[in-house]
Structures are given as C-alpha cells and as structure tokens.
C-alpha cells in the first residue's frame, strides 16, 4: 500500500527556513518521480519541485529556483524540500506526491501524480 506522510511544516517569519519531509512506504522513492506541490486558500494546486530517480535530475517552479532544494534519502525512503528565504506568498499547504507510473519524465501537471500525502501547513508571517 502506497503511503506518503509529510511533516516539518509550521509558522515562521519571512526570511526563515523550513525543511519538509515526505516519508514514503509501499514503494521506493528511487523508482519514481517525486514531487512537491502547494495550495494556498482560494488558489489551485501548483507545482513546486520534482526529483527523478537517481536524484540527479530536478525541476523547480521559477519562483522557487535558488530558494528551494528538493532531495531524497534512499536509506530512509524519504524526500525532502529545503525552503530558504521564505516569503509571505509561500504560505500554503504543501503536498508530497508520487507519479502514477514509472515514466522517467518529470511533469509539473498534478494530474500526472496519482498518490498524495495529507499535506503539511506552512505559514509565513511578513
């Protein structure tokens, strides 16, 4: 059974950092494209970052490049999202997701991900 459990969210000040974790079970994070998405109140779910098996190929939304880093730790079967220089507009629920198939293609479309965690809230005060 595929499970994704996010943690690490919280309330911080603008300029602070947070590291989100996504603990996976039922499969290996090394075998699939893993992504992070976020959804703010009243807005659609949007792509944040993704990492492809091997961890050597990553993709970021333009607004996150240089501030966020996605990584994975095979031994813990966990994917991370390090978020630095947080801004008020980063406030959202952050979701971890796994691509539905083993396609070796990173997609920014949430429809390409068939498994989702429950989300973790990130609140940034300005």
Foldseek 3Di string as FASTA:
>chain_A
DWAWAKDWADEEAQQAKIKMKIQIPPDAPLQFKKFKWWDDPPGDIWGAKIAHRVRPDMDGDPVQPPFWDWGADRVRSMIMIIGGRDDQVVWTWMKMFTAPDSDRDDDGDPVRTDDIHPTDTHGYHD
